[in-house]
Amino acid sequence: MNERATQPAGTAARREHWESVYCGRELEGLSWYQDDPAISASLIGEAAKDLPTGLDSAVIDAGGGSSVLAGRLAAAGFTDVTVADISAAALAAAQARAAAEARAAAEARATTHYLNVDLLGWRPGRAYQIWHDRAVFHFLVSAADRAAYLRTLRAALAGGGAIIIATFAADGPDRCSGLPTARYSADELAAELTAAYGDAVTITGNRAEEHHTPSVAIQRFTWVTADLS
C-alpha cells in the first residue's frame, strides 16, 4: 500500500516508550489485554451491517498493537482489516499469532495488514470504512495531539464511515503505562468529535464498560460510536 507518514514532534519518544512497554512484559500481562474483545467485535459488526460493503468493509484498528481483535474479525468473516500501531514489537507479536491462527483455520478469507506508524503523523494511502480505537485517544492529553489524531481519522474515512472510540471514563485511571491520561464522559467524548467534524458527524450511541485487567483491577471505559459523512 502507498502509505505516507510525517514525523511529528515526539514521535521518537512515543515509539521508544511503547516499545519498552511491549518488550517489558508478557502480552497477556498488559493492563488493556483482553482474550475476548467482545465489545469491539460487536460494535464493528453492527457498523458493518449499516454499510453497503458489509463484511468487506475496510476496518482499521487504530493503535491495535498486539490485540487479538484482528483474528476475531477474520473469524467473523471480515475480509479487510488493518492494524496500525507505533510499536513494531506489538505488531510483530500480533502478526505471529495471526499466522498461527491462519494455519489452524485455513478457511479464513481475511487479509490483515500491519502498519508501524505514528497515528499523529500518518496519512493513509487508501480509504477505510470503519475506524476502531480502544484506548489510544485517552493518551492524547494535549489539544495539538488530539487535533493531529482527528486529522488522521478524517483522512482515513475520507469517503465517510463509522467511528468507534473507547477511552477511560470520567472515573477511570488518570495514569496508565507510565503516562497521564485524559478521561471522558460520553458527552465529553462526543463533543470532541462534533468540535472536529461539525455537521459531518452524527453520534449514534455510547456505552460504559468495566474492564478487568490481568491483575484483577477495574478500569472504567466510555465507548462512543458515530457516523462520519
C-alpha atoms as a PDB file:
ATOM      1  CA  MET A   1       0.000   0.000   0.000  1.00  0.00           C
ATOM      2  CA  ASN A   2       1.070   3.554  -0.648  1.00  0.00           C
ATOM      3  CA  GLU A   3       1.273   4.880   2.889  1.00  0.00           C
ATOM      4  CA  ARG A   4       2.734   8.191   3.909  1.00  0.00           C
ATOM      5  CA  ALA A   5       3.811   9.284   7.358  1.00  0.00           C
ATOM      6  CA  THR A   6       5.387  12.500   8.596  1.00  0.00           C
ATOM      7  CA  GLN A   7       7.373  12.572  11.820  1.00  0.00           C
ATOM      8  CA  PRO A   8       5.505  14.905  14.180  1.00  0.00           C
ATOM      9  CA  ALA A   9       7.232  16.226  17.278  1.00  0.00           C
ATOM     10  CA  GLY A  10       7.572  13.488  19.859  1.00  0.00           C
ATOM     11  CA  THR A  11       7.351  10.501  17.508  1.00  0.00           C
ATOM     12  CA  ALA A  12      10.723   9.076  18.554  1.00  0.00           C
ATOM     13  CA  ALA A  13       9.897   9.397  22.253  1.00  0.00           C
ATOM     14  CA  ARG A  14       6.437   7.866  21.786  1.00  0.00           C
ATOM     15  CA  ARG A  15       7.888   4.956  19.818  1.00  0.00           C
ATOM     16  CA  GLU A  16      10.608   4.324  22.407  1.00  0.00           C
ATOM     17  CA  HIS A  17       8.075   4.398  25.239  1.00  0.00           C
ATOM     18  CA  TRP A  18       5.681   1.902  23.667  1.00  0.00           C
ATOM     19  CA  GLU A  19       8.438  -0.424  22.524  1.00  0.00           C
ATOM     20  CA  SER A  20       9.641  -0.587  26.130  1.00  0.00           C
ATOM     21  CA  VAL A  21       6.089  -1.278  27.356  1.00  0.00           C
ATOM     22  CA  TYR A  22       5.540  -4.145  24.926  1.00  0.00           C
ATOM     23  CA  CYS A  23       9.013  -5.620  25.364  1.00  0.00           C
ATOM     24  CA  GLY A  24       8.942  -5.287  29.148  1.00  0.00           C
ATOM     25  CA  ARG A  25       6.297  -7.909  29.946  1.00  0.00           C
ATOM     26  CA  GLU A  26       4.230 -10.733  28.518  1.00  0.00           C
ATOM     27  CA  LEU A  27       1.411  -9.575  26.253  1.00  0.00           C
ATOM     28  CA  GLU A  28      -1.194 -11.242  28.465  1.00  0.00           C
ATOM     29  CA  GLY A  29       0.038  -9.156  31.403  1.00  0.00           C
ATOM     30  CA  LEU A  30      -0.580  -5.756  29.805  1.00  0.00           C
ATOM     31  CA  SER A  31      -3.341  -3.852  31.570  1.00  0.00           C
ATOM     32  CA  TRP A  32      -5.521  -3.462  28.463  1.00  0.00           C
ATOM     33  CA  TYR A  33      -5.205  -7.089  27.339  1.00  0.00           C
ATOM     34  CA  GLN A  34      -8.441  -8.944  26.525  1.00  0.00           C
ATOM     35  CA  ASP A  35      -8.629 -12.565  25.466  1.00  0.00           C
ATOM     36  CA  ASP A  36     -12.085 -11.824  24.083  1.00  0.00           C
ATOM     37  CA  PRO A  37     -12.588  -8.281  22.696  1.00  0.00           C
ATOM     38  CA  ALA A  38     -16.343  -8.811  22.634  1.00  0.00           C
ATOM     39  CA  ILE A  39     -17.471  -5.164  22.711  1.00  0.00           C
ATOM     40  CA  SER A  40     -15.087  -4.162  19.931  1.00  0.00           C
ATOM     41  CA  ALA A  41     -16.142  -7.065  17.727  1.00  0.00           C
ATOM     42  CA  SER A  42     -19.830  -6.441  18.391  1.00  0.00           C
ATOM     43  CA  LEU A  43     -19.694  -2.716  17.612  1.00  0.00           C
ATOM     44  CA  ILE A  44     -17.653  -3.286  14.453  1.00  0.00           C
ATOM     45  CA  GLY A  45     -20.129  -5.953  13.355  1.00  0.00           C
ATOM     46  CA  GLU A  46     -23.056  -3.589  13.959  1.00  0.00           C
ATOM     47  CA  ALA A  47     -21.329  -0.839  11.988  1.00  0.00           C
ATOM     48  CA  ALA A  48     -20.693  -3.180   9.057  1.00  0.00           C
ATOM     49  CA  LYS A  49     -24.388  -4.097   8.865  1.00  0.00           C
ATOM     50  CA  ASP A  50     -25.196  -0.445   8.144  1.00  0.00           C
ATOM     51  CA  LEU A  51     -22.572  -0.116   5.394  1.00  0.00           C
ATOM     52  CA  PRO A  52     -23.098  -1.237   1.790  1.00  0.00           C
ATOM     53  CA  THR A  53     -19.730  -3.010   1.895  1.00  0.00           C
ATOM     54  CA  GLY A  54     -20.813  -5.192   4.845  1.00  0.00           C
ATOM     55  CA  LEU A  55     -18.148  -7.670   5.926  1.00  0.00           C
ATOM     56  CA  ASP A  56     -15.929  -6.425   3.093  1.00  0.00           C
ATOM     57  CA  SER A  57     -15.726  -3.001   4.772  1.00  0.00           C
ATOM     58  CA  ALA A  58     -12.145  -1.915   5.330  1.00  0.00           C
ATOM     59  CA  VAL A  59     -11.569  -1.802   9.093  1.00  0.00           C
ATOM     60  CA  ILE A  60      -8.673  -0.005  10.740  1.00  0.00           C
ATOM     61  CA  ASP A  61      -7.808  -0.891  14.323  1.00  0.00           C
ATOM     62  CA  ALA A  62      -6.003   2.290  15.382  1.00  0.00           C
ATOM     63  CA  GLY A  63      -3.364   1.540  17.984  1.00  0.00           C
ATOM     64  CA  GLY A  64      -4.404  -2.110  17.918  1.00  0.00           C
ATOM     65  CA  GLY A  65      -0.941  -3.334  18.856  1.00  0.00           C
ATOM     66  CA  SER A  66      -0.939  -6.968  19.885  1.00  0.00           C
ATOM     67  CA  SER A  67      -4.725  -7.197  20.305  1.00  0.00           C
ATOM     68  CA  VAL A  68      -6.476 -10.391  19.234  1.00  0.00           C
ATOM     69  CA  LEU A  69      -9.237  -8.329  17.592  1.00  0.00           C
ATOM     70  CA  ALA A  70      -7.990  -8.818  14.021  1.00  0.00           C
ATOM     71  CA  GLY A  71      -8.245 -12.583  14.387  1.00  0.00           C
ATOM     72  CA  ARG A  72     -11.692 -12.268  15.931  1.00  0.00           C
ATOM     73  CA  LEU A  73     -12.851 -10.182  12.958  1.00  0.00           C
ATOM     74  CA  ALA A  74     -11.394 -12.665  10.482  1.00  0.00           C
ATOM     75  CA  ALA A  75     -13.283 -15.460  12.188  1.00  0.00           C
ATOM     76  CA  ALA A  76     -16.467 -13.385  11.884  1.00  0.00           C
ATOM     77  CA  GLY A  77     -15.994 -13.077   8.124  1.00  0.00           C
ATOM     78  CA  PHE A  78     -14.346  -9.679   7.728  1.00  0.00           C
ATOM     79  CA  THR A  79     -12.028  -9.660   4.725  1.00  0.00           C
ATOM     80  CA  ASP A  80     -10.030  -6.417   5.033  1.00  0.00           C
ATOM     81  CA  VAL A  81      -8.517  -5.478   8.396  1.00  0.00           C
ATOM     82  CA  THR A  82      -5.586  -3.146   9.114  1.00  0.00           C
ATOM     83  CA  VAL A  83      -3.812  -2.903  12.460  1.00  0.00           C
ATOM     84  CA  ALA A  84      -1.868   0.355  12.884  1.00  0.00           C
ATOM     85  CA  ASP A  85       0.465   0.872  15.830  1.00  0.00           C
ATOM     86  CA  ILE A  86       3.578   2.823  16.741  1.00  0.00           C
ATOM     87  CA  SER A  87       5.183  -0.256  18.344  1.00  0.00           C
ATOM     88  CA  ALA A  88       6.905  -2.653  15.960  1.00  0.00           C
ATOM     89  CA  ALA A  89       7.197  -5.208  18.778  1.00  0.00           C
ATOM     90  CA  ALA A  90       3.435  -5.205  19.320  1.00  0.00           C
ATOM     91  CA  LEU A  91       2.734  -5.649  15.622  1.00  0.00           C
ATOM     92  CA  ALA A  92       5.286  -8.457  15.315  1.00  0.00           C
ATOM     93  CA  ALA A  93       3.592 -10.337  18.146  1.00  0.00           C
ATOM     94  CA  ALA A  94       0.171  -9.829  16.594  1.00  0.00           C
ATOM     95  CA  GLN A  95       1.398 -10.923  13.176  1.00  0.00           C
ATOM     96  CA  ALA A  96       2.996 -14.089  14.534  1.00  0.00           C
ATOM     97  CA  ARG A  97      -0.179 -15.039  16.372  1.00  0.00           C
ATOM     98  CA  ALA A  98      -2.312 -14.301  13.301  1.00  0.00           C
ATOM     99  CA  ALA A  99      -0.097 -16.535  11.159  1.00  0.00           C
ATOM    100  CA  ALA A 100      -0.548 -19.393  13.623  1.00  0.00           C
ATOM    101  CA  GLU A 101      -4.314 -18.856  13.684  1.00  0.00           C
ATOM    102  CA  ALA A 102      -4.437 -18.791   9.884  1.00  0.00           C
ATOM    103  CA  ARG A 103      -2.707 -22.158   9.708  1.00  0.00           C
ATOM    104  CA  ALA A 104      -5.248 -23.521  12.164  1.00  0.00           C
ATOM    105  CA  ALA A 105      -8.198 -22.059  10.236  1.00  0.00           C
ATOM    106  CA  ALA A 106      -7.340 -22.162   6.569  1.00  0.00           C
ATOM    107  CA  GLU A 107     -10.876 -21.225   5.580  1.00  0.00           C
ATOM    108  CA  ALA A 108     -10.489 -17.625   6.782  1.00  0.00           C
ATOM    109  CA  ARG A 109     -10.674 -15.185   3.876  1.00  0.00           C
ATOM    110  CA  ALA A 110      -9.325 -12.155   5.701  1.00  0.00           C
ATOM    111  CA  THR A 111      -6.377 -10.109   4.564  1.00  0.00           C
ATOM    112  CA  THR A 112      -4.781  -8.390   7.552  1.00  0.00           C
ATOM    113  CA  HIS A 113      -2.301  -5.550   7.091  1.00  0.00           C
ATOM    114  CA  TYR A 114       0.107  -4.384   9.803  1.00  0.00           C
ATOM    115  CA  LEU A 115       1.334  -0.779   9.708  1.00  0.00           C
ATOM    116  CA  ASN A 116       4.065   0.549  12.001  1.00  0.00           C
ATOM    117  CA  VAL A 117       3.045   4.227  12.052  1.00  0.00           C
ATOM    118  CA  ASP A 118       2.532   7.131  14.425  1.00  0.00           C
ATOM    119  CA  LEU A 119      -1.162   7.974  14.139  1.00  0.00           C
ATOM    120  CA  LEU A 120      -0.400  11.637  14.770  1.00  0.00           C
ATOM    121  CA  GLY A 121       1.547  11.956  11.524  1.00  0.00           C
ATOM    122  CA  TRP A 122       0.217   9.151   9.341  1.00  0.00           C
ATOM    123  CA  ARG A 123      -1.792   9.882   6.192  1.00  0.00           C
ATOM    124  CA  PRO A 124      -3.459   6.740   4.794  1.00  0.00           C
ATOM    125  CA  GLY A 125      -2.830   5.775   1.196  1.00  0.00           C
ATOM    126  CA  ARG A 126      -6.314   4.260   0.921  1.00  0.00           C
ATOM    127  CA  ALA A 127      -9.836   4.679   2.269  1.00  0.00           C
ATOM    128  CA  TYR A 128     -11.346   2.810   5.197  1.00  0.00           C
ATOM    129  CA  GLN A 129     -14.966   2.444   6.213  1.00  0.00           C
ATOM    130  CA  ILE A 130     -14.666   1.648   9.934  1.00  0.00           C
ATOM    131  CA  TRP A 131     -12.274   3.288  12.417  1.00  0.00           C
ATOM    132  CA  HIS A 132     -11.853   1.476  15.745  1.00  0.00           C
ATOM    133  CA  ASP A 133      -9.790   2.781  18.641  1.00  0.00           C
ATOM    134  CA  ARG A 134      -9.799   1.190  22.066  1.00  0.00           C
ATOM    135  CA  ALA A 135      -7.504   3.091  24.436  1.00  0.00           C
ATOM    136  CA  VAL A 136      -5.409   5.374  22.233  1.00  0.00           C
ATOM    137  CA  PHE A 137      -7.327   8.659  22.333  1.00  0.00           C
ATOM    138  CA  HIS A 138      -7.147   8.958  26.112  1.00  0.00           C
ATOM    139  CA  PHE A 139      -3.335   9.147  25.947  1.00  0.00           C
ATOM    140  CA  LEU A 140      -3.594  12.365  23.907  1.00  0.00           C
ATOM    141  CA  VAL A 141      -3.564  14.890  26.719  1.00  0.00           C
ATOM    142  CA  SER A 142      -2.685  17.933  24.593  1.00  0.00           C
ATOM    143  CA  ALA A 143      -5.080  19.715  22.236  1.00  0.00           C
ATOM    144  CA  ALA A 144      -2.432  19.615  19.494  1.00  0.00           C
ATOM    145  CA  ASP A 145      -2.099  15.825  19.700  1.00  0.00           C
ATOM    146  CA  ARG A 146      -5.867  15.352  19.665  1.00  0.00           C
ATOM    147  CA  ALA A 147      -6.175  17.599  16.621  1.00  0.00           C
ATOM    148  CA  ALA A 148      -3.448  15.628  14.810  1.00  0.00           C
ATOM    149  CA  TYR A 149      -5.188  12.330  15.592  1.00  0.00           C
ATOM    150  CA  LEU A 150      -8.552  13.639  14.408  1.00  0.00           C
ATOM    151  CA  ARG A 151      -6.984  14.812  11.131  1.00  0.00           C
ATOM    152  CA  THR A 152      -5.698  11.283  10.571  1.00  0.00           C
ATOM    153  CA  LEU A 153      -9.118   9.827  11.343  1.00  0.00           C
ATOM    154  CA  ARG A 154     -10.753  12.214   8.857  1.00  0.00           C
ATOM    155  CA  ALA A 155      -8.217  11.207   6.175  1.00  0.00           C
ATOM    156  CA  ALA A 156      -8.813   7.505   6.852  1.00  0.00           C
ATOM    157  CA  LEU A 157     -12.593   7.907   6.495  1.00  0.00           C
ATOM    158  CA  ALA A 158     -12.362  10.335   3.585  1.00  0.00           C
ATOM    159  CA  GLY A 159     -15.412   8.788   1.941  1.00  0.00           C
ATOM    160  CA  GLY A 160     -17.337   8.534   5.194  1.00  0.00           C
ATOM    161  CA  GLY A 161     -17.889   5.620   7.530  1.00  0.00           C
ATOM    162  CA  ALA A 162     -18.241   4.550  11.149  1.00  0.00           C
ATOM    163  CA  ILE A 163     -16.208   5.692  14.153  1.00  0.00           C
ATOM    164  CA  ILE A 164     -15.827   3.547  17.282  1.00  0.00           C
ATOM    165  CA  ILE A 165     -13.748   5.030  20.107  1.00  0.00           C
ATOM    166  CA  ALA A 166     -13.214   3.896  23.698  1.00  0.00           C
ATOM    167  CA  THR A 167     -11.383   5.929  26.341  1.00  0.00           C
ATOM    168  CA  PHE A 168     -11.059   5.846  30.082  1.00  0.00           C
ATOM    169  CA  ALA A 169     -14.293   7.059  31.665  1.00  0.00           C
ATOM    170  CA  ALA A 170     -14.522  10.178  33.806  1.00  0.00           C
ATOM    171  CA  ASP A 171     -13.872   7.980  36.860  1.00  0.00           C
ATOM    172  CA  GLY A 172     -11.251   5.840  35.124  1.00  0.00           C
ATOM    173  CA  PRO A 173      -7.492   5.829  35.764  1.00  0.00           C
ATOM    174  CA  ASP A 174      -5.649   9.135  35.451  1.00  0.00           C
ATOM    175  CA  ARG A 175      -2.438   7.307  34.504  1.00  0.00           C
ATOM    176  CA  CYS A 176      -1.659   4.168  32.511  1.00  0.00           C
ATOM    177  CA  SER A 177       1.586   2.570  31.336  1.00  0.00           C
ATOM    178  CA  GLY A 178       3.565   5.378  32.966  1.00  0.00           C
ATOM    179  CA  LEU A 179       1.677   8.142  31.127  1.00  0.00           C
ATOM    180  CA  PRO A 180      -1.047  10.611  32.134  1.00  0.00           C
ATOM    181  CA  THR A 181      -4.461  10.103  30.556  1.00  0.00           C
ATOM    182  CA  ALA A 182      -7.428  12.281  29.636  1.00  0.00           C
ATOM    183  CA  ARG A 183     -10.729  10.864  30.914  1.00  0.00           C
ATOM    184  CA  TYR A 184     -14.115  11.359  29.280  1.00  0.00           C
ATOM    185  CA  SER A 185     -17.805  11.051  29.889  1.00  0.00           C
ATOM    186  CA  ALA A 186     -19.851  10.041  26.857  1.00  0.00           C
ATOM    187  CA  ASP A 187     -20.912  13.658  26.306  1.00  0.00           C
ATOM    188  CA  GLU A 188     -17.324  14.894  26.535  1.00  0.00           C
ATOM    189  CA  LEU A 189     -16.041  12.326  24.065  1.00  0.00           C
ATOM    190  CA  ALA A 190     -18.891  13.069  21.665  1.00  0.00           C
ATOM    191  CA  ALA A 191     -18.074  16.771  21.973  1.00  0.00           C
ATOM    192  CA  GLU A 192     -14.501  16.126  20.789  1.00  0.00           C
ATOM    193  CA  LEU A 193     -15.887  14.580  17.587  1.00  0.00           C
ATOM    194  CA  THR A 194     -18.516  17.233  16.948  1.00  0.00           C
ATOM    195  CA  ALA A 195     -15.992  20.025  17.557  1.00  0.00           C
ATOM    196  CA  ALA A 196     -13.682  18.479  14.966  1.00  0.00           C
ATOM    197  CA  TYR A 197     -16.207  17.491  12.296  1.00  0.00           C
ATOM    198  CA  GLY A 198     -19.308  19.635  12.861  1.00  0.00           C
ATOM    199  CA  ASP A 199     -22.369  18.593  10.897  1.00  0.00           C
ATOM    200  CA  ALA A 200     -20.379  15.841   9.156  1.00  0.00           C
ATOM    201  CA  VAL A 201     -20.575  13.650  12.261  1.00  0.00           C
ATOM    202  CA  THR A 202     -23.623  12.035  13.841  1.00  0.00           C
ATOM    203  CA  ILE A 203     -23.273  10.431  17.261  1.00  0.00           C
ATOM    204  CA  THR A 204     -25.049   7.070  17.131  1.00  0.00           C
ATOM    205  CA  GLY A 205     -24.533   5.624  20.588  1.00  0.00           C
ATOM    206  CA  ASN A 206     -22.481   5.217  23.751  1.00  0.00           C
ATOM    207  CA  ARG A 207     -21.952   2.673  26.459  1.00  0.00           C
ATOM    208  CA  ALA A 208     -19.951   2.110  29.626  1.00  0.00           C
ATOM    209  CA  GLU A 209     -17.589  -0.789  30.290  1.00  0.00           C
ATOM    210  CA  GLU A 210     -15.786  -2.153  33.329  1.00  0.00           C
ATOM    211  CA  HIS A 211     -12.593  -3.759  32.066  1.00  0.00           C
ATOM    212  CA  HIS A 212     -10.959  -6.262  34.415  1.00  0.00           C
ATOM    213  CA  THR A 213      -7.217  -6.119  33.906  1.00  0.00           C
ATOM    214  CA  PRO A 214      -4.974  -9.208  34.137  1.00  0.00           C
ATOM    215  CA  SER A 215      -4.007  -8.007  37.640  1.00  0.00           C
ATOM    216  CA  VAL A 216      -7.729  -8.005  38.565  1.00  0.00           C
ATOM    217  CA  ALA A 217      -8.003  -4.217  38.782  1.00  0.00           C
ATOM    218  CA  ILE A 218     -11.036  -2.491  37.276  1.00  0.00           C
ATOM    219  CA  GLN A 219     -10.671   0.150  34.573  1.00  0.00           C
ATOM    220  CA  ARG A 220     -13.846   2.016  33.590  1.00  0.00           C
ATOM    221  CA  PHE A 221     -14.212   2.875  29.907  1.00  0.00           C
ATOM    222  CA  THR A 222     -16.501   5.116  27.866  1.00  0.00           C
ATOM    223  CA  TRP A 223     -17.446   3.998  24.349  1.00  0.00           C
ATOM    224  CA  VAL A 224     -18.864   6.322  21.698  1.00  0.00           C
ATOM    225  CA  THR A 225     -19.961   5.399  18.170  1.00  0.00           C
ATOM    226  CA  ALA A 226     -20.598   7.825  15.329  1.00  0.00           C
ATOM    227  CA  ASP A 227     -21.171   8.067  11.594  1.00  0.00           C
ATOM    228  CA  LEU A 228     -18.948  10.403   9.564  1.00  0.00           C
ATOM    229  CA  SER A 229     -20.071  11.666   6.164  1.00  0.00           C
END
